[in-house]
Structure formats: structure tokens, C-alpha cells
């Protein structure tokens, strides 16, 4: 189909303003239209919240306050690279705040340590490595215990055999 000369072309900005989904807002229990432009605005709000609010310690709290379910966020991040990037930056900012708070003993370092893999990939990799060490240690301990038990059984069998001969 050919486009007429006087027909206005659609720009990316106009495309982003179009409704692409109807989302339920949990806090008011009703559906409302969501455009990619609104998602991008939400991304900017998320960034501002993470950077400027010293109490921003849990990434999901932002979306909980807005009444947006994690299902929508996951789907929207696929459609909006701006939201995806904003979530990554917000996660990094929050990770830094949490880690510094634990170092300065402002927060419970044990709790922060246990939840940091949710915020920083390096903590997740460290936790996997420590887990693999524990597994290897447990395997070695189990093998040693098994060897000891087998040795004890063999030793008892030997003792029982010599006692019966007398």
C-alpha cells in the first residue's frame, strides 16, 4: 500500500505514546492503558528514586509502592530498553548503598551479606564458589567417614575371626 504525499509519518515518539498493554494497577484494582512512553517515564522515576532516596534499599519496593506486579515489570523490560537499563543502574546504586551500610555497621551485615547476590553478580558468583567448596569438603568428609567405618568393620571381622579360633 502506497503512502499519500500529504499523510503524516509516524515517528518513534508517537509510537512510544501508543497504548501497547492494559495493566492492572493493584493499589486501585482497575485496568489502565500503558504506553511505552509511560514505561520510559517510569524508568526515569526509578532512577531518580534509587539515586536520591537514601532509604531506597530494596529494588522491588519502588514497584510495590507504584502497585505494579513483577510480571508486568519483566514483560516491560523486554519492550523498553530504557526500563531495563534503569533497573540495572538502580540495582547497582542500591547494592552500593547496602554494602556501604553494612561496612559502616548501619545495617545488619549478616542479612545484607545473604541478600547481596540479588543485587550484585560478583556476590552471586562468590556464593556459588563457597557453596562448591562446602560440597567438596562434605564429600571429602563423607568419604573419610565411610573409609573409617569400612576399616572398623574389617578390623572387627578380623578380631571376631581370631576369637572364634581359640
N, C-alpha and C. Protein backbone atom coordinates (compact mmCIF):
# COMPACT_ATOMS: atom_id res chain seq x y z
N UNK A 1 0.85 -1.17 0.00
CA UNK A 1 0.00 0.00 0.00
C UNK A 1 0.90 1.24 0.00
N UNK A 2 0.66 2.16 -0.91
CA UNK A 2 1.47 3.37 -1.03
C UNK A 2 0.99 4.45 -0.07
N UNK A 3 1.95 5.19 0.44
CA UNK A 3 1.63 6.28 1.35
C UNK A 3 1.36 7.54 0.53
N UNK A 4 0.31 8.27 0.89
CA UNK A 4 -0.01 9.51 0.20
C UNK A 4 1.00 10.57 0.60
N UNK A 5 1.25 11.53 -0.29
CA UNK A 5 2.25 12.56 -0.04
C UNK A 5 1.93 13.42 1.18
N UNK A 6 0.71 13.78 1.40
CA UNK A 6 0.35 14.68 2.49
C UNK A 6 0.09 13.96 3.81
N UNK A 7 0.19 12.63 3.80
CA UNK A 7 -0.09 11.86 5.01
C UNK A 7 1.11 11.96 5.96
N UNK A 8 0.87 12.35 7.22
CA UNK A 8 1.98 12.48 8.17
C UNK A 8 2.58 11.12 8.50
N UNK A 9 3.89 11.09 8.67
CA UNK A 9 4.55 9.83 9.01
C UNK A 9 4.55 9.67 10.54
N UNK A 10 4.56 8.46 10.96
CA UNK A 10 4.59 8.16 12.39
C UNK A 10 6.04 8.18 12.86
N UNK A 11 6.30 8.91 13.89
CA UNK A 11 7.66 8.95 14.43
C UNK A 11 7.79 7.97 15.59
N UNK A 12 9.01 7.73 16.02
CA UNK A 12 9.22 6.83 17.14
C UNK A 12 8.56 7.36 18.40
N UNK A 13 8.56 8.66 18.60
CA UNK A 13 7.93 9.26 19.77
C UNK A 13 6.44 8.97 19.78
N UNK A 14 5.81 9.09 18.62
CA UNK A 14 4.38 8.79 18.53
C UNK A 14 4.12 7.32 18.79
N UNK A 15 5.00 6.45 18.27
CA UNK A 15 4.85 5.01 18.51
C UNK A 15 4.93 4.70 20.00
N UNK A 16 5.81 5.36 20.70
CA UNK A 16 6.01 5.10 22.12
C UNK A 16 4.81 5.60 22.93
N UNK A 17 4.07 6.56 22.40
CA UNK A 17 2.91 7.09 23.11
C UNK A 17 1.69 6.21 22.93
N UNK A 18 1.72 5.28 21.99
CA UNK A 18 0.58 4.40 21.75
C UNK A 18 0.46 3.37 22.88
N UNK A 19 -0.76 3.02 23.18
CA UNK A 19 -1.02 2.01 24.21
C UNK A 19 -0.58 0.65 23.67
N UNK A 20 0.22 -0.04 24.44
CA UNK A 20 0.62 -1.38 23.99
C UNK A 20 0.11 -2.45 24.93
N UNK A 21 -0.44 -2.05 26.05
CA UNK A 21 -0.92 -3.05 27.00
C UNK A 21 -1.88 -2.39 27.98
N UNK A 22 -2.78 -3.20 28.50
CA UNK A 22 -3.66 -2.76 29.57
C UNK A 22 -3.13 -3.44 30.83
N UNK A 23 -2.76 -2.65 31.82
CA UNK A 23 -2.18 -3.18 33.05
C UNK A 23 -3.11 -2.93 34.22
N UNK A 24 -3.19 -3.90 35.10
CA UNK A 24 -3.97 -3.73 36.32
C UNK A 24 -3.10 -3.04 37.34
N UNK A 25 -3.61 -1.97 37.90
CA UNK A 25 -2.89 -1.31 38.99
C UNK A 25 -3.45 -1.88 40.28
N UNK A 26 -2.61 -2.62 40.96
CA UNK A 26 -3.04 -3.37 42.13
C UNK A 26 -3.63 -2.46 43.20
N UNK A 27 -3.02 -1.30 43.41
CA UNK A 27 -3.45 -0.44 44.50
C UNK A 27 -4.87 0.09 44.32
N UNK A 28 -5.35 0.17 43.10
CA UNK A 28 -6.71 0.67 42.89
C UNK A 28 -7.61 -0.37 42.20
N UNK A 29 -7.07 -1.56 41.93
CA UNK A 29 -7.81 -2.68 41.36
C UNK A 29 -8.61 -2.32 40.11
N UNK A 30 -7.93 -1.67 39.19
CA UNK A 30 -8.59 -1.40 37.92
C UNK A 30 -7.54 -1.40 36.82
N UNK A 31 -8.01 -1.65 35.62
CA UNK A 31 -7.11 -1.67 34.47
C UNK A 31 -6.89 -0.26 33.95
N UNK A 32 -5.68 -0.04 33.43
CA UNK A 32 -5.40 1.26 32.83
C UNK A 32 -4.44 1.04 31.67
N UNK A 33 -4.55 1.87 30.65
CA UNK A 33 -3.67 1.71 29.48
C UNK A 33 -2.25 2.15 29.80
N UNK A 34 -1.29 1.42 29.26
CA UNK A 34 0.12 1.73 29.47
C UNK A 34 0.79 1.87 28.11
N UNK A 35 1.49 2.97 27.92
CA UNK A 35 2.23 3.19 26.69
C UNK A 35 3.72 3.00 26.96
N UNK A 36 4.48 2.81 25.91
CA UNK A 36 5.93 2.71 26.07
C UNK A 36 6.50 4.02 26.61
N UNK A 37 5.88 5.12 26.25
CA UNK A 37 6.32 6.43 26.77
C UNK A 37 6.16 6.46 28.29
N UNK A 38 5.05 5.94 28.80
CA UNK A 38 4.82 5.89 30.26
C UNK A 38 5.83 4.96 30.92
N UNK A 39 6.16 3.87 30.26
CA UNK A 39 7.16 2.94 30.79
C UNK A 39 8.51 3.65 30.89
N UNK A 40 8.86 4.42 29.86
CA UNK A 40 10.11 5.18 29.87
C UNK A 40 10.12 6.22 31.00
N UNK A 41 8.97 6.86 31.23
CA UNK A 41 8.86 7.82 32.33
C UNK A 41 9.04 7.11 33.68
N UNK A 42 8.48 5.92 33.78
CA UNK A 42 8.63 5.10 34.98
C UNK A 42 10.11 4.76 35.21
N UNK A 43 10.83 4.51 34.13
CA UNK A 43 12.26 4.20 34.23
C UNK A 43 13.02 5.39 34.81
N UNK A 44 12.67 6.59 34.39
CA UNK A 44 13.32 7.80 34.91
C UNK A 44 12.98 7.98 36.39
N UNK A 45 11.73 7.73 36.75
CA UNK A 45 11.31 7.82 38.15
C UNK A 45 12.08 6.82 39.01
N UNK A 46 12.26 5.61 38.48
CA UNK A 46 13.01 4.57 39.20
C UNK A 46 14.45 5.03 39.44
N UNK A 47 15.08 5.54 38.40
CA UNK A 47 16.45 6.02 38.53
C UNK A 47 16.55 7.12 39.59
N UNK A 48 15.65 8.11 39.52
CA UNK A 48 15.65 9.21 40.49
C UNK A 48 15.45 8.69 41.91
N UNK A 49 14.53 7.76 42.08
CA UNK A 49 14.26 7.19 43.40
C UNK A 49 15.50 6.49 43.94
N UNK A 50 16.13 5.65 43.12
CA UNK A 50 17.29 4.88 43.58
C UNK A 50 18.46 5.80 43.96
N UNK A 51 18.67 6.82 43.16
CA UNK A 51 19.82 7.72 43.39
C UNK A 51 19.56 8.69 44.54
N UNK A 52 18.36 9.23 44.65
CA UNK A 52 18.09 10.33 45.58
C UNK A 52 17.47 9.95 46.91
N UNK A 53 16.89 8.78 47.02
CA UNK A 53 16.25 8.38 48.28
C UNK A 53 17.20 7.49 49.09
N UNK A 54 17.72 7.99 50.21
CA UNK A 54 18.66 7.18 50.99
C UNK A 54 18.02 5.94 51.60
N UNK A 55 16.70 5.91 51.65
CA UNK A 55 16.01 4.72 52.15
C UNK A 55 15.72 3.70 51.06
N UNK A 56 16.14 3.96 49.84
CA UNK A 56 15.94 3.01 48.74
C UNK A 56 16.96 1.89 48.89
N UNK A 57 16.52 0.80 49.53
CA UNK A 57 17.41 -0.32 49.82
C UNK A 57 16.95 -1.62 49.18
N UNK A 58 15.72 -1.64 48.67
CA UNK A 58 15.16 -2.84 48.08
C UNK A 58 14.53 -2.44 46.74
N UNK A 59 15.07 -2.98 45.66
CA UNK A 59 14.63 -2.57 44.32
C UNK A 59 13.13 -2.79 44.12
N UNK A 60 12.63 -3.91 44.55
CA UNK A 60 11.21 -4.21 44.31
C UNK A 60 10.27 -3.25 45.04
N UNK A 61 10.77 -2.56 46.06
CA UNK A 61 9.93 -1.63 46.81
C UNK A 61 9.37 -0.53 45.92
N UNK A 62 10.16 -0.05 44.98
CA UNK A 62 9.70 1.00 44.07
C UNK A 62 8.44 0.56 43.34
N UNK A 63 8.48 -0.65 42.78
CA UNK A 63 7.34 -1.14 42.01
C UNK A 63 6.17 -1.52 42.93
N UNK A 64 6.49 -1.98 44.14
CA UNK A 64 5.42 -2.27 45.10
C UNK A 64 4.66 -0.99 45.44
N UNK A 65 5.40 0.10 45.68
CA UNK A 65 4.77 1.39 46.00
C UNK A 65 3.88 1.85 44.86
N UNK A 66 4.32 1.61 43.63
CA UNK A 66 3.55 2.02 42.45
C UNK A 66 2.39 1.07 42.17
N UNK A 67 2.38 -0.08 42.85
CA UNK A 67 1.31 -1.05 42.64
C UNK A 67 1.46 -1.83 41.34
N UNK A 68 2.69 -2.08 40.95
CA UNK A 68 2.96 -2.78 39.69
C UNK A 68 3.55 -4.15 40.01
N UNK A 69 2.95 -5.18 39.45
CA UNK A 69 3.40 -6.54 39.75
C UNK A 69 4.70 -6.88 39.02
N UNK A 70 5.49 -7.80 39.58
CA UNK A 70 6.74 -8.22 38.95
C UNK A 70 6.53 -8.81 37.55
N UNK A 71 5.38 -9.39 37.30
CA UNK A 71 5.08 -9.95 35.98
C UNK A 71 5.09 -8.86 34.91
N UNK A 72 4.47 -7.74 35.22
CA UNK A 72 4.46 -6.63 34.28
C UNK A 72 5.87 -6.08 34.07
N UNK A 73 6.62 -5.93 35.16
CA UNK A 73 7.96 -5.37 35.05
C UNK A 73 8.82 -6.24 34.14
N UNK A 74 8.76 -7.54 34.33
CA UNK A 74 9.57 -8.45 33.49
C UNK A 74 9.18 -8.29 32.02
N UNK A 75 7.90 -8.19 31.75
CA UNK A 75 7.42 -8.05 30.37
C UNK A 75 7.81 -6.68 29.80
N UNK A 76 7.70 -5.64 30.61
CA UNK A 76 8.02 -4.29 30.15
C UNK A 76 9.50 -4.12 29.88
N UNK A 77 10.34 -4.79 30.67
CA UNK A 77 11.79 -4.68 30.44
C UNK A 77 12.19 -5.26 29.09
N UNK A 78 11.42 -6.22 28.61
CA UNK A 78 11.68 -6.78 27.27
C UNK A 78 11.32 -5.78 26.18
N UNK A 79 10.33 -4.95 26.42
CA UNK A 79 9.87 -3.98 25.43
C UNK A 79 10.58 -2.64 25.51
N UNK A 80 11.09 -2.30 26.69
CA UNK A 80 11.69 -0.99 26.89
C UNK A 80 13.15 -1.12 27.35
N UNK A 81 14.09 -0.89 26.44
CA UNK A 81 15.50 -0.93 26.84
C UNK A 81 15.84 0.13 27.89
N UNK A 82 15.08 1.22 27.91
CA UNK A 82 15.31 2.27 28.90
C UNK A 82 14.97 1.76 30.30
N UNK A 83 13.85 1.05 30.43
CA UNK A 83 13.47 0.49 31.73
C UNK A 83 14.47 -0.59 32.14
N UNK A 84 14.87 -1.41 31.21
CA UNK A 84 15.84 -2.47 31.53
C UNK A 84 17.14 -1.87 32.06
N UNK A 85 17.65 -0.86 31.39
CA UNK A 85 18.89 -0.20 31.81
C UNK A 85 18.70 0.52 33.14
N UNK A 86 17.58 1.16 33.31
CA UNK A 86 17.30 1.86 34.56
C UNK A 86 17.24 0.89 35.73
N UNK A 87 16.67 -0.29 35.53
CA UNK A 87 16.62 -1.32 36.58
C UNK A 87 18.03 -1.77 36.95
N UNK A 88 18.89 -1.95 35.95
CA UNK A 88 20.27 -2.38 36.21
C UNK A 88 21.03 -1.30 36.99
N UNK A 89 20.87 -0.06 36.59
CA UNK A 89 21.56 1.04 37.29
C UNK A 89 21.02 1.17 38.71
N UNK A 90 19.71 1.12 38.86
CA UNK A 90 19.11 1.23 40.20
C UNK A 90 19.58 0.08 41.09
N UNK A 91 19.67 -1.10 40.53
CA UNK A 91 20.15 -2.25 41.29
C UNK A 91 21.59 -2.03 41.76
N UNK A 92 22.44 -1.47 40.89
CA UNK A 92 23.84 -1.21 41.25
C UNK A 92 23.93 -0.13 42.33
N UNK A 93 23.13 0.92 42.20
CA UNK A 93 23.14 2.00 43.19
C UNK A 93 22.69 1.46 44.56
N UNK A 94 21.64 0.67 44.55
CA UNK A 94 21.13 0.09 45.79
C UNK A 94 22.15 -0.89 46.38
N UNK A 95 22.81 -1.67 45.54
CA UNK A 95 23.84 -2.60 46.02
C UNK A 95 24.96 -1.84 46.72
N UNK A 96 25.39 -0.74 46.13
CA UNK A 96 26.45 0.07 46.75
C UNK A 96 25.99 0.62 48.10
N UNK A 97 24.77 1.11 48.15
CA UNK A 97 24.24 1.69 49.40
C UNK A 97 24.15 0.62 50.48
N UNK A 98 23.69 -0.56 50.11
CA UNK A 98 23.56 -1.67 51.07
C UNK A 98 24.93 -2.12 51.57
N UNK A 99 25.86 -2.26 50.65
CA UNK A 99 27.20 -2.73 51.02
C UNK A 99 27.90 -1.72 51.93
N UNK A 100 27.83 -0.44 51.57
CA UNK A 100 28.45 0.59 52.42
C UNK A 100 27.78 0.64 53.79
N UNK A 101 26.47 0.49 53.81
CA UNK A 101 25.75 0.48 55.09
C UNK A 101 26.18 -0.67 55.97
N UNK A 102 26.42 -1.83 55.37
CA UNK A 102 26.88 -2.99 56.13
C UNK A 102 28.30 -2.78 56.63
N UNK A 103 29.16 -2.22 55.79
CA UNK A 103 30.55 -1.95 56.18
C UNK A 103 30.60 -0.97 57.36
N UNK A 104 29.75 0.05 57.30
CA UNK A 104 29.72 1.07 58.36
C UNK A 104 28.87 0.64 59.56
N UNK A 105 28.38 -0.59 59.50
CA UNK A 105 27.53 -1.18 60.56
C UNK A 105 26.22 -0.40 60.77
N UNK A 106 25.78 0.22 59.70
CA UNK A 106 24.50 0.92 59.73
C UNK A 106 23.35 -0.09 59.56
N UNK A 107 23.65 -1.18 58.84
CA UNK A 107 22.68 -2.25 58.60
C UNK A 107 23.24 -3.56 59.14
N UNK A 108 22.37 -4.53 59.33
CA UNK A 108 22.77 -5.86 59.76
C UNK A 108 23.58 -6.50 58.64
N UNK A 109 24.89 -6.61 58.85
CA UNK A 109 25.77 -7.09 57.78
C UNK A 109 25.47 -8.54 57.40
N UNK A 110 25.03 -9.35 58.35
CA UNK A 110 24.70 -10.74 58.03
C UNK A 110 23.52 -10.82 57.06
N UNK A 111 22.50 -10.03 57.32
CA UNK A 111 21.35 -10.01 56.41
C UNK A 111 21.73 -9.46 55.05
N UNK A 112 22.46 -8.36 55.04
CA UNK A 112 22.88 -7.75 53.77
C UNK A 112 23.72 -8.75 52.98
N UNK A 113 24.66 -9.40 53.67
CA UNK A 113 25.53 -10.38 53.00
C UNK A 113 24.71 -11.49 52.34
N UNK A 114 23.68 -11.96 53.03
CA UNK A 114 22.87 -13.06 52.49
C UNK A 114 22.02 -12.64 51.29
N UNK A 115 21.67 -11.36 51.21
CA UNK A 115 20.81 -10.91 50.11
C UNK A 115 21.56 -10.21 48.98
N UNK A 116 22.85 -9.95 49.16
CA UNK A 116 23.62 -9.25 48.12
C UNK A 116 23.66 -9.98 46.77
N UNK A 117 23.62 -11.32 46.73
CA UNK A 117 23.59 -11.97 45.41
C UNK A 117 22.41 -11.52 44.53
N UNK A 118 21.36 -10.99 45.14
CA UNK A 118 20.23 -10.48 44.37
C UNK A 118 20.57 -9.16 43.67
N UNK A 119 21.59 -8.49 44.19
CA UNK A 119 21.92 -7.14 43.71
C UNK A 119 23.23 -7.05 42.94
N UNK A 120 24.14 -7.97 43.18
CA UNK A 120 25.44 -7.87 42.53
C UNK A 120 25.90 -9.25 42.07
N UNK A 121 26.24 -9.33 40.79
CA UNK A 121 26.65 -10.60 40.18
C UNK A 121 27.89 -11.18 40.86
N UNK A 122 28.84 -10.34 41.23
CA UNK A 122 30.07 -10.83 41.86
C UNK A 122 29.77 -11.54 43.19
N UNK A 123 28.77 -11.07 43.94
CA UNK A 123 28.38 -11.74 45.18
C UNK A 123 27.75 -13.09 44.87
N UNK A 124 26.97 -13.14 43.80
CA UNK A 124 26.34 -14.39 43.41
C UNK A 124 27.39 -15.43 43.03
N UNK A 125 28.40 -15.01 42.27
CA UNK A 125 29.48 -15.91 41.88
C UNK A 125 30.29 -16.35 43.09
N UNK A 126 30.54 -15.44 44.02
CA UNK A 126 31.26 -15.77 45.24
C UNK A 126 30.49 -16.81 46.05
N UNK A 127 29.19 -16.62 46.15
CA UNK A 127 28.36 -17.56 46.90
C UNK A 127 28.36 -18.94 46.24
N UNK A 128 28.32 -18.99 44.92
CA UNK A 128 28.39 -20.28 44.21
C UNK A 128 29.72 -20.96 44.48
N UNK A 129 30.82 -20.20 44.46
CA UNK A 129 32.14 -20.74 44.72
C UNK A 129 32.22 -21.31 46.14
N UNK A 130 31.74 -20.55 47.12
CA UNK A 130 31.75 -21.04 48.50
C UNK A 130 30.90 -22.29 48.66
N UNK A 131 29.78 -22.31 47.97
CA UNK A 131 28.92 -23.50 48.02
C UNK A 131 29.63 -24.71 47.44
N UNK A 132 30.36 -24.51 46.35
CA UNK A 132 31.10 -25.64 45.76
C UNK A 132 32.20 -26.12 46.70
N UNK A 133 32.83 -25.20 47.43
CA UNK A 133 33.85 -25.59 48.42
C UNK A 133 33.21 -26.42 49.54
N UNK A 134 32.04 -25.99 50.02
CA UNK A 134 31.35 -26.74 51.07
C UNK A 134 30.98 -28.13 50.58
N UNK A 135 30.54 -28.22 49.32
CA UNK A 135 30.18 -29.52 48.76
C UNK A 135 31.40 -30.43 48.69
N UNK A 136 32.52 -29.90 48.21
CA UNK A 136 33.76 -30.69 48.14
C UNK A 136 34.20 -31.12 49.54
N UNK A 137 34.11 -30.21 50.49
CA UNK A 137 34.50 -30.52 51.86
C UNK A 137 33.61 -31.62 52.44
N UNK A 138 32.31 -31.51 52.20
CA UNK A 138 31.38 -32.53 52.69
C UNK A 138 31.63 -33.87 52.02
N UNK A 139 31.91 -33.86 50.72
CA UNK A 139 32.21 -35.10 50.01
C UNK A 139 33.46 -35.76 50.59
N UNK A 140 34.50 -34.96 50.83
CA UNK A 140 35.74 -35.50 51.39
C UNK A 140 35.49 -36.05 52.80
N UNK A 141 34.71 -35.34 53.58
CA UNK A 141 34.39 -35.78 54.94
C UNK A 141 33.60 -37.09 54.90
N UNK A 142 32.63 -37.18 54.00
CA UNK A 142 31.82 -38.40 53.87
C UNK A 142 32.68 -39.58 53.43
N UNK A 143 33.61 -39.35 52.50
CA UNK A 143 34.50 -40.42 52.06
C UNK A 143 35.39 -40.89 53.21
N UNK A 144 35.90 -39.94 53.98
CA UNK A 144 36.76 -40.29 55.12
C UNK A 144 35.97 -41.09 56.15
N UNK A 145 34.74 -40.66 56.44
CA UNK A 145 33.90 -41.37 57.40
C UNK A 145 33.58 -42.77 56.88
N UNK A 146 33.28 -42.89 55.60
CA UNK A 146 32.98 -44.19 55.01
C UNK A 146 34.19 -45.11 55.09
N UNK A 147 35.36 -44.57 54.78
CA UNK A 147 36.59 -45.36 54.84
C UNK A 147 36.84 -45.83 56.27
N UNK A 148 36.61 -44.95 57.23
CA UNK A 148 36.80 -45.29 58.64
C UNK A 148 35.84 -46.40 59.06
N UNK A 149 34.58 -46.28 58.66
CA UNK A 149 33.58 -47.30 59.02
C UNK A 149 33.95 -48.64 58.40
N UNK A 150 34.35 -48.63 57.13
CA UNK A 150 34.74 -49.87 56.46
C UNK A 150 35.95 -50.49 57.17
N UNK A 151 36.90 -49.66 57.55
CA UNK A 151 38.09 -50.13 58.25
C UNK A 151 37.71 -50.74 59.59
N UNK A 152 36.80 -50.09 60.31
CA UNK A 152 36.36 -50.61 61.61
C UNK A 152 35.63 -51.94 61.45
N UNK A 153 34.79 -52.04 60.42
CA UNK A 153 34.07 -53.30 60.18
C UNK A 153 35.08 -54.41 59.85
N UNK A 154 36.04 -54.10 59.01
CA UNK A 154 37.06 -55.09 58.64
C UNK A 154 37.87 -55.49 59.87
N UNK A 155 38.22 -54.54 60.72
CA UNK A 155 39.00 -54.80 61.92
C UNK A 155 38.21 -55.68 62.89
N UNK A 156 36.91 -55.39 63.06
CA UNK A 156 36.06 -56.19 63.95
C UNK A 156 35.90 -57.60 63.42
N UNK A 157 35.75 -57.69 62.10
CA UNK A 157 35.60 -59.02 61.49
C UNK A 157 36.86 -59.84 61.74
N UNK A 158 38.01 -59.21 61.63
CA UNK A 158 39.28 -59.87 61.86
C UNK A 158 39.39 -60.31 63.32
N UNK A 159 38.98 -59.41 64.25
CA UNK A 159 39.02 -59.72 65.68
C UNK A 159 38.05 -60.85 66.01
N UNK A 160 36.85 -60.82 65.41
CA UNK A 160 35.85 -61.86 65.67
C UNK A 160 36.34 -63.21 65.16
N UNK A 161 37.03 -63.22 64.04
CA UNK A 161 37.53 -64.47 63.47
C UNK A 161 38.61 -65.08 64.32
N UNK A 162 39.50 -64.29 64.87
CA UNK A 162 40.60 -64.82 65.69
C UNK A 162 40.07 -65.27 67.05
N UNK A 163 39.03 -64.65 67.55
CA UNK A 163 38.46 -65.04 68.85
C UNK A 163 37.77 -66.38 68.74
N UNK A 164 37.15 -66.70 67.62
CA UNK A 164 36.43 -67.95 67.43
C UNK A 164 37.39 -69.13 67.32
N UNK A 165 38.62 -68.89 66.85
CA UNK A 165 39.59 -69.96 66.66
C UNK A 165 40.09 -70.49 68.01
N UNK A 166 40.09 -69.67 69.01
CA UNK A 166 40.61 -70.10 70.32
C UNK A 166 39.69 -71.02 70.98
